[in-house]
Amino acid sequence: MTDLIAGISARRFLTSAATLALAAASVALTSAPVLAQDELNALVWCDHTDPALIEPFEKANNVKVNLKEYEGTGAGLSIIDQSRPGDWDVLVIDGVDVQRAVDKDILAEMPADALPNADIFPEVRMEANNSRDGKIYAVTEKFGYNTVSYDKTKVDPADMKDMSKLWSDKYKGRIAVYDYYLPMIGLTGIDLGKATASLSDADMPAIKDKLFALKANAKQVSDVVSSQTALATGEVDIVFGGGEWLTAGLVKDKPNLDWTIPEQGAVRWAQSIGVMKDSTKKDLALKFVQYIVSPEGQARLATSSCYWAMPANAKAGEHLTAEQKTALRWDEQADYLKRTQLYPIPSAELDAKMQDAWTEMLQH
């Protein structure tokens, strides 16, 4: 306190000459040219809106990153269709849908030597999805699983390793089902012994019957927030379709929550990032992509406030704490990657049938 008072007193005795000098310096500074802050527009998933992820890039590059969050590839493509060419510089998109964006000719080619492909876990490089005709249009940035999340104080963890238990009377009325048709139809198919990549019209009757039985055994079919809340508050004991993205960020405060990959397997999701073809700031956009897939950027993305999931870059592990790696099951990824399958990629006709089956299940 005395130091503060002394400082105030000293400033009162500034001479007029010193005051004039300060004023002159102020004028000189304000008349100097100020570099205008650049802007970058990115269409992203919610995990990219965490300031802890975005601000380091903004400060390092004197840029303002304008983020628009969307859910579902259809919604994202609709936003682009309604925008002017050049409105968007960067796109985050479901890895299995990159080819849809390539078909629409909205992604720019990215040079292979500008990306850390050798550091990406081999199983999630997804060259067939992120590239076409030898040209790279996107790079995988994050991945995870739609599987089983549960409260280990309320259920037998051994049961959670058998997906079929979710249809048993033992857990009737204790389950929340994630309300998204693609991964849930994929999981249902896996329980029936079918590969997600080869699902067809012929499989739909059995899948539909299984979905109806699942709905009858569940307490609710709900979105991410509602399902996560129900598990955290004890309204349900299991979230079918959950995973590390649902529980990992809660473990510190809710150590009773856990997740696993059943013996039958699970569905693996992945998100990719690319530069928009009509961007007028492709160099800066590429720099942003490079930051996101750098080890530092990946560690921040993996533990984003919206949801946690595995970083695609294996070197991100050097920037994660032991506690964070445990929550993400870092040491078990080799096994998990072998036992999981990508989302179904149905034709437009089969996709419509899948959506119809899901809607009918919801209304049943």
Protein backbone atom coordinates (compact mmCIF):
# COMPACT_ATOMS: atom_id res chain seq x y z
CA MET A 1 0.00 0.00 0.00
CA THR A 2 2.79 2.50 0.90
CA ASP A 3 4.56 1.76 -2.40
CA LEU A 4 1.35 2.52 -4.29
CA ILE A 5 0.90 5.87 -2.47
CA ALA A 6 4.56 6.81 -3.07
CA GLY A 7 4.17 6.06 -6.76
CA ILE A 8 1.09 8.26 -7.04
CA SER A 9 2.92 11.14 -5.22
CA ALA A 10 5.96 10.89 -7.47
CA ARG A 11 3.83 11.10 -10.60
CA ARG A 12 2.23 14.33 -9.32
CA PHE A 13 5.63 16.07 -9.52
CA LEU A 14 6.28 15.44 -13.20
CA THR A 15 7.62 18.64 -14.72
CA SER A 16 5.72 20.27 -17.52
CA ALA A 17 8.66 19.53 -19.80
CA ALA A 18 8.35 15.83 -19.10
CA THR A 19 4.62 16.04 -19.69
CA LEU A 20 5.20 17.68 -23.07
CA ALA A 21 7.76 15.04 -23.95
CA LEU A 22 5.28 12.29 -23.17
CA ALA A 23 2.64 14.00 -25.25
CA ALA A 24 5.01 14.31 -28.19
CA ALA A 25 5.93 10.65 -27.91
CA SER A 26 2.26 9.75 -27.84
CA VAL A 27 1.60 11.67 -31.03
CA ALA A 28 4.57 9.99 -32.69
CA LEU A 29 3.28 6.54 -31.72
CA THR A 30 -0.26 7.16 -32.86
CA SER A 31 0.89 8.50 -36.21
CA ALA A 32 2.98 5.39 -36.89
CA PRO A 33 1.34 2.89 -39.26
CA VAL A 34 -0.47 0.01 -37.50
CA LEU A 35 -0.57 -3.35 -39.22
CA ALA A 36 -4.19 -4.34 -39.82
CA GLN A 37 -5.17 -7.63 -38.22
CA ASP A 38 -5.95 -10.28 -40.81
CA GLU A 39 -9.05 -12.48 -40.57
CA LEU A 40 -9.70 -16.13 -41.31
CA ASN A 41 -13.16 -17.71 -41.55
CA ALA A 42 -13.53 -21.33 -40.50
CA LEU A 43 -16.54 -23.63 -40.55
CA VAL A 44 -15.91 -26.00 -37.66
CA TRP A 45 -17.13 -28.44 -35.04
CA CYS A 46 -17.59 -27.20 -31.48
CA ASP A 47 -14.21 -28.44 -30.26
CA HIS A 48 -12.49 -25.74 -32.33
CA THR A 49 -14.24 -22.92 -30.49
CA ASP A 50 -12.16 -23.31 -27.33
CA PRO A 51 -10.08 -20.13 -26.83
CA ALA A 52 -7.25 -22.28 -25.45
CA LEU A 53 -6.95 -23.81 -28.92
CA ILE A 54 -7.52 -20.75 -31.10
CA GLU A 55 -5.83 -17.89 -29.24
CA PRO A 56 -2.23 -19.16 -29.55
CA PHE A 57 -2.59 -19.21 -33.36
CA GLU A 58 -4.25 -15.79 -33.41
CA LYS A 59 -1.51 -14.19 -31.33
CA ALA A 60 1.33 -15.84 -33.22
CA ASN A 61 -0.04 -14.72 -36.60
CA ASN A 62 -1.80 -11.42 -35.77
CA VAL A 63 -5.05 -12.86 -37.08
CA LYS A 64 -8.64 -13.06 -35.93
CA VAL A 65 -10.14 -16.50 -36.58
CA ASN A 66 -13.88 -16.21 -37.08
CA LEU A 67 -15.51 -19.52 -36.23
CA LYS A 68 -18.93 -20.81 -37.20
CA GLU A 69 -19.95 -24.04 -35.52
CA TYR A 70 -22.18 -26.58 -37.25
CA GLU A 71 -23.42 -30.12 -36.65
CA GLY A 72 -23.76 -32.70 -39.40
CA THR A 73 -22.17 -32.66 -42.85
CA GLY A 74 -25.46 -31.85 -44.55
CA ALA A 75 -25.80 -28.69 -42.46
CA GLY A 76 -22.23 -27.65 -43.19
CA LEU A 77 -22.57 -28.13 -46.93
CA SER A 78 -25.84 -26.21 -46.86
CA ILE A 79 -24.09 -23.25 -45.19
CA ILE A 80 -21.44 -23.31 -47.91
CA ASP A 81 -24.08 -23.50 -50.66
CA GLN A 82 -25.73 -20.40 -49.23
CA SER A 83 -22.46 -18.50 -48.93
CA ARG A 84 -20.51 -16.55 -51.51
CA PRO A 85 -17.31 -18.00 -53.01
CA GLY A 86 -14.44 -16.97 -50.75
CA ASP A 87 -16.56 -16.56 -47.61
CA TRP A 88 -14.93 -19.60 -45.98
CA ASP A 89 -11.23 -20.41 -45.70
CA VAL A 90 -11.14 -23.60 -43.63
CA LEU A 91 -13.54 -26.54 -43.28
CA VAL A 92 -13.71 -29.21 -40.58
CA ILE A 93 -15.72 -32.19 -41.80
CA ASP A 94 -16.52 -35.78 -40.90
CA GLY A 95 -13.71 -37.91 -42.29
CA VAL A 96 -16.08 -40.25 -44.12
CA ASP A 97 -17.66 -37.25 -45.88
CA VAL A 98 -14.53 -35.62 -47.32
CA GLN A 99 -15.28 -37.18 -50.70
CA ARG A 100 -18.68 -35.45 -50.71
CA ALA A 101 -16.83 -32.15 -50.41
CA VAL A 102 -14.41 -33.18 -53.15
CA ASP A 103 -17.38 -34.04 -55.38
CA LYS A 104 -18.69 -30.53 -54.83
CA ASP A 105 -15.24 -29.14 -55.74
CA ILE A 106 -15.03 -26.97 -52.62
CA LEU A 107 -11.69 -28.15 -51.17
CA ALA A 108 -8.24 -27.09 -52.32
CA GLU A 109 -5.39 -29.51 -52.81
CA MET A 110 -2.83 -29.38 -49.99
CA PRO A 111 0.85 -30.23 -50.59
CA ALA A 112 1.87 -33.51 -48.98
CA ASP A 113 5.16 -32.07 -47.73
CA ALA A 114 3.25 -29.41 -45.77
CA LEU A 115 1.46 -32.00 -43.63
CA PRO A 116 2.76 -34.35 -40.89
CA ASN A 117 1.35 -37.49 -42.52
CA ALA A 118 4.14 -39.68 -41.16
CA ASP A 119 3.16 -38.69 -37.62
CA ILE A 120 -0.55 -39.51 -38.05
CA PHE A 121 -1.61 -42.86 -36.61
CA PRO A 122 -1.61 -45.15 -39.70
CA GLU A 123 -5.12 -46.43 -39.03
CA VAL A 124 -6.62 -42.93 -39.20
CA ARG A 125 -4.67 -41.46 -42.12
CA MET A 126 -7.67 -42.49 -44.21
CA GLU A 127 -6.02 -41.83 -47.56
CA ALA A 128 -9.02 -43.21 -49.43
CA ASN A 129 -11.22 -40.62 -47.73
CA ASN A 130 -8.90 -37.60 -47.54
CA SER A 131 -7.34 -37.92 -51.00
CA ARG A 132 -8.34 -38.49 -54.61
CA ASP A 133 -6.18 -39.24 -57.62
CA GLY A 134 -3.05 -38.71 -55.56
CA LYS A 135 -4.12 -35.26 -54.37
CA ILE A 136 -4.64 -34.51 -50.66
CA TYR A 137 -7.77 -32.50 -49.86
CA ALA A 138 -7.98 -32.99 -46.10
CA VAL A 139 -6.05 -34.42 -43.18
CA THR A 140 -7.39 -36.32 -40.17
CA GLU A 141 -7.19 -34.19 -37.02
CA LYS A 142 -9.06 -36.11 -34.31
CA PHE A 143 -10.81 -39.44 -33.82
CA GLY A 144 -12.75 -41.42 -31.29
CA TYR A 145 -15.39 -44.05 -30.80
CA ASN A 146 -19.13 -44.48 -30.55
CA THR A 147 -19.25 -47.27 -28.05
CA VAL A 148 -20.41 -47.76 -24.43
CA SER A 149 -20.07 -45.21 -21.61
CA TYR A 150 -21.21 -46.20 -18.14
CA ASP A 151 -21.19 -45.56 -14.40
CA LYS A 152 -18.90 -48.24 -13.03
CA THR A 153 -20.45 -47.96 -9.57
CA LYS A 154 -23.88 -48.84 -10.96
CA VAL A 155 -23.18 -51.59 -13.50
CA ASP A 156 -20.93 -54.61 -13.75
CA PRO A 157 -17.97 -53.42 -15.89
CA ALA A 158 -17.54 -56.97 -17.19
CA ASP A 159 -21.03 -56.78 -18.70
CA MET A 160 -20.03 -53.68 -20.66
CA LYS A 161 -17.53 -55.74 -22.61
CA ASP A 162 -20.45 -57.64 -24.15
CA MET A 163 -22.62 -55.39 -26.33
CA SER A 164 -25.50 -57.87 -26.28
CA LYS A 165 -26.03 -57.10 -22.58
CA LEU A 166 -27.58 -53.78 -23.61
CA TRP A 167 -30.58 -55.70 -24.89
CA SER A 168 -30.94 -57.75 -21.68
CA ASP A 169 -33.57 -57.23 -18.98
CA LYS A 170 -30.76 -56.63 -16.48
CA TYR A 171 -30.31 -53.07 -17.76
CA LYS A 172 -33.85 -52.35 -18.91
CA GLY A 173 -34.78 -48.72 -18.27
CA ARG A 174 -31.20 -47.78 -17.35
CA ILE A 175 -29.85 -46.88 -20.79
CA ALA A 176 -29.66 -43.68 -22.84
CA VAL A 177 -29.25 -44.23 -26.58
CA TYR A 178 -27.34 -41.59 -28.55
CA ASP A 179 -29.73 -40.02 -31.04
CA TYR A 180 -27.73 -40.24 -34.27
CA TYR A 181 -28.75 -42.86 -36.77
CA LEU A 182 -25.44 -43.59 -38.55
CA PRO A 183 -23.25 -44.72 -35.63
CA MET A 184 -26.16 -46.44 -33.90
CA ILE A 185 -27.10 -48.41 -37.00
CA GLY A 186 -23.40 -49.22 -37.36
CA LEU A 187 -23.23 -50.47 -33.76
CA THR A 188 -26.42 -52.47 -34.17
CA GLY A 189 -25.00 -54.05 -37.32
CA ILE A 190 -21.78 -54.90 -35.49
CA ASP A 191 -23.77 -56.66 -32.76
CA LEU A 192 -25.42 -58.67 -35.52
CA GLY A 193 -21.98 -59.62 -36.84
CA LYS A 194 -22.11 -57.37 -39.90
CA ALA A 195 -19.34 -55.10 -41.19
CA THR A 196 -20.29 -51.41 -41.34
CA ALA A 197 -18.62 -51.01 -44.74
CA SER A 198 -20.83 -53.65 -46.35
CA LEU A 199 -24.26 -52.87 -44.88
CA SER A 200 -26.97 -53.16 -47.53
CA ASP A 201 -30.72 -53.07 -48.01
CA ALA A 202 -30.82 -56.76 -47.17
CA ASP A 203 -29.49 -56.04 -43.68
CA MET A 204 -32.07 -53.41 -42.79
CA PRO A 205 -34.96 -55.66 -41.63
CA ALA A 206 -32.77 -57.33 -38.99
CA ILE A 207 -31.24 -54.00 -37.97
CA LYS A 208 -34.67 -52.41 -37.71
CA ASP A 209 -35.96 -55.19 -35.44
CA LYS A 210 -32.86 -54.85 -33.27
CA LEU A 211 -33.33 -51.06 -33.03
CA PHE A 212 -36.93 -51.48 -31.92
CA ALA A 213 -35.82 -53.92 -29.22
CA LEU A 214 -33.13 -51.46 -28.12
CA LYS A 215 -35.65 -48.63 -27.85
CA ALA A 216 -37.90 -50.85 -25.72
CA ASN A 217 -35.00 -51.52 -23.35
CA ALA A 218 -33.84 -47.90 -23.08
CA LYS A 219 -34.98 -45.11 -20.80
CA GLN A 220 -34.35 -42.41 -23.41
CA VAL A 221 -33.01 -41.69 -26.88
CA SER A 222 -31.32 -38.32 -26.65
CA ASP A 223 -28.73 -35.91 -28.00
CA VAL A 224 -25.17 -35.57 -26.69
CA VAL A 225 -25.86 -33.03 -23.96
CA SER A 226 -28.96 -34.78 -22.64
CA SER A 227 -27.27 -38.18 -22.68
CA GLN A 228 -24.15 -36.87 -20.96
CA THR A 229 -26.22 -35.06 -18.34
CA ALA A 230 -28.34 -38.14 -17.67
CA LEU A 231 -25.22 -40.25 -17.10
CA ALA A 232 -23.52 -37.62 -14.93
CA THR A 233 -26.58 -37.09 -12.73
CA GLY A 234 -27.42 -40.78 -12.37
CA GLU A 235 -30.65 -40.68 -14.39
CA VAL A 236 -29.19 -43.47 -16.50
CA ASP A 237 -26.30 -45.86 -15.88
CA ILE A 238 -25.26 -46.45 -19.50
CA VAL A 239 -25.00 -44.40 -22.68
CA PHE A 240 -24.99 -46.60 -25.76
CA GLY A 241 -23.19 -44.70 -28.49
CA GLY A 242 -21.05 -42.80 -25.99
CA GLY A 243 -17.29 -43.01 -25.65
CA GLU A 244 -14.27 -41.02 -24.54
CA TRP A 245 -15.75 -37.87 -26.08
CA LEU A 246 -18.69 -38.20 -23.66
CA THR A 247 -16.88 -39.08 -20.43
CA ALA A 248 -13.13 -38.28 -20.62
CA GLY A 249 -13.59 -34.60 -19.88
CA LEU A 250 -15.75 -35.44 -16.84
CA VAL A 251 -13.48 -38.00 -15.19
CA LYS A 252 -11.72 -35.47 -12.97
CA ASP A 253 -15.01 -34.54 -11.28
CA LYS A 254 -16.84 -37.81 -11.95
CA PRO A 255 -14.32 -40.65 -11.50
CA ASN A 256 -17.20 -43.13 -11.46
CA LEU A 257 -17.74 -42.64 -15.21
CA ASP A 258 -15.94 -44.90 -17.64
CA TRP A 259 -16.09 -46.25 -21.19
CA THR A 260 -14.97 -49.35 -23.05
CA ILE A 261 -14.89 -51.10 -26.41
CA PRO A 262 -17.01 -54.30 -26.25
CA GLU A 263 -15.62 -57.57 -27.52
CA GLN A 264 -17.83 -57.27 -30.61
CA GLY A 265 -16.13 -53.97 -31.49
CA ALA A 266 -17.44 -50.45 -31.95
CA VAL A 267 -17.78 -47.63 -34.47
CA ARG A 268 -14.88 -45.27 -35.03
CA TRP A 269 -15.40 -41.68 -36.08
CA ALA A 270 -12.81 -39.26 -37.39
CA GLN A 271 -12.87 -35.61 -38.31
CA SER A 272 -10.75 -34.01 -41.02
CA ILE A 273 -9.70 -30.46 -41.83
CA GLY A 274 -8.97 -28.81 -45.16
CA VAL A 275 -8.58 -25.54 -47.01
CA MET A 276 -11.47 -24.16 -49.03
CA LYS A 277 -10.82 -23.95 -52.78
CA ASP A 278 -12.31 -20.45 -53.14
CA SER A 279 -10.40 -19.00 -50.18
CA THR A 280 -8.45 -15.84 -50.98
CA LYS A 281 -6.16 -16.60 -48.05
CA LYS A 282 -5.01 -20.11 -48.84
CA ASP A 283 -1.52 -19.64 -47.37
CA LEU A 284 -2.91 -18.48 -44.05
CA ALA A 285 -5.59 -21.17 -44.14
CA LEU A 286 -2.93 -23.83 -44.72
CA LYS A 287 -0.93 -22.36 -41.83
CA PHE A 288 -3.99 -22.79 -39.61
CA VAL A 289 -4.38 -26.42 -40.73
CA GLN A 290 -0.70 -26.98 -39.99
CA TYR A 291 -1.13 -25.54 -36.51
CA ILE A 292 -4.17 -27.72 -35.78
CA VAL A 293 -2.32 -30.91 -36.76
CA SER A 294 0.94 -29.91 -35.03
CA PRO A 295 1.73 -31.74 -31.78
CA GLU A 296 0.88 -28.65 -29.70
CA GLY A 297 -2.33 -27.91 -31.56
CA GLN A 298 -3.35 -31.55 -31.40
CA ALA A 299 -2.92 -31.74 -27.63
CA ARG A 300 -5.14 -28.66 -27.23
CA LEU A 301 -7.73 -30.02 -29.67
CA ALA A 302 -7.76 -33.42 -27.96
CA THR A 303 -8.66 -31.82 -24.62
CA SER A 304 -10.95 -29.09 -25.94
CA SER A 305 -13.63 -27.88 -23.55
CA CYS A 306 -16.43 -29.08 -25.86
CA TYR A 307 -15.32 -32.72 -25.97
CA TRP A 308 -12.18 -34.79 -25.59
CA ALA A 309 -11.00 -37.35 -28.12
CA MET A 310 -7.81 -38.83 -29.50
CA PRO A 311 -5.49 -36.57 -31.50
CA ALA A 312 -4.57 -37.95 -34.91
CA ASN A 313 -0.92 -36.90 -34.52
CA ALA A 314 0.91 -39.45 -32.37
CA LYS A 315 3.44 -36.81 -31.28
CA ALA A 316 0.70 -34.96 -29.40
CA GLY A 317 1.35 -37.42 -26.58
CA GLU A 318 4.47 -35.43 -25.71
CA HIS A 319 2.21 -32.49 -24.80
CA LEU A 320 -0.45 -34.37 -22.81
CA THR A 321 -0.28 -35.12 -19.11
CA ALA A 322 -0.31 -38.67 -17.80
CA GLU A 323 -3.81 -38.03 -16.44
CA GLN A 324 -5.06 -36.81 -19.83
CA LYS A 325 -3.55 -39.79 -21.63
CA THR A 326 -5.16 -42.18 -19.17
CA ALA A 327 -8.58 -40.61 -19.72
CA LEU A 328 -8.11 -40.96 -23.49
CA ARG A 329 -6.85 -44.59 -23.14
CA TRP A 330 -3.70 -43.65 -24.99
CA ASP A 331 -1.93 -46.95 -24.34
CA GLU A 332 -4.91 -49.00 -25.53
CA GLN A 333 -5.33 -47.34 -28.90
CA ALA A 334 -3.48 -50.02 -30.88
CA ASP A 335 -6.02 -52.61 -29.71
CA TYR A 336 -9.00 -50.27 -30.08
CA LEU A 337 -8.08 -49.30 -33.62
CA LYS A 338 -7.90 -52.96 -34.63
CA ARG A 339 -11.32 -53.74 -33.18
CA THR A 340 -13.34 -50.79 -34.48
CA GLN A 341 -14.89 -49.94 -37.82
CA LEU A 342 -15.62 -46.66 -39.57
CA TYR A 343 -19.11 -45.22 -39.82
CA PRO A 344 -21.28 -46.74 -42.56
CA ILE A 345 -21.00 -44.82 -45.82
CA PRO A 346 -24.36 -45.63 -47.43
CA SER A 347 -25.58 -44.70 -50.88
CA ALA A 348 -28.19 -41.94 -50.98
CA GLU A 349 -30.91 -44.58 -51.33
CA LEU A 350 -29.67 -46.69 -48.41
CA ASP A 351 -29.06 -43.58 -46.32
CA ALA A 352 -32.71 -42.60 -46.75
CA LYS A 353 -33.80 -46.08 -45.65
CA MET A 354 -31.55 -45.88 -42.61
CA GLN A 355 -33.01 -42.52 -41.64
CA ASP A 356 -36.53 -43.84 -42.13
CA ALA A 357 -35.81 -46.85 -39.92
CA TRP A 358 -34.37 -44.59 -37.21
CA THR A 359 -37.32 -42.20 -37.36
CA GLU A 360 -39.77 -45.10 -37.15
CA MET A 361 -37.88 -46.45 -34.12
CA LEU A 362 -38.07 -43.04 -32.41
CA GLN A 363 -41.81 -42.89 -32.98
CA HIS A 364 -42.44 -46.50 -31.97
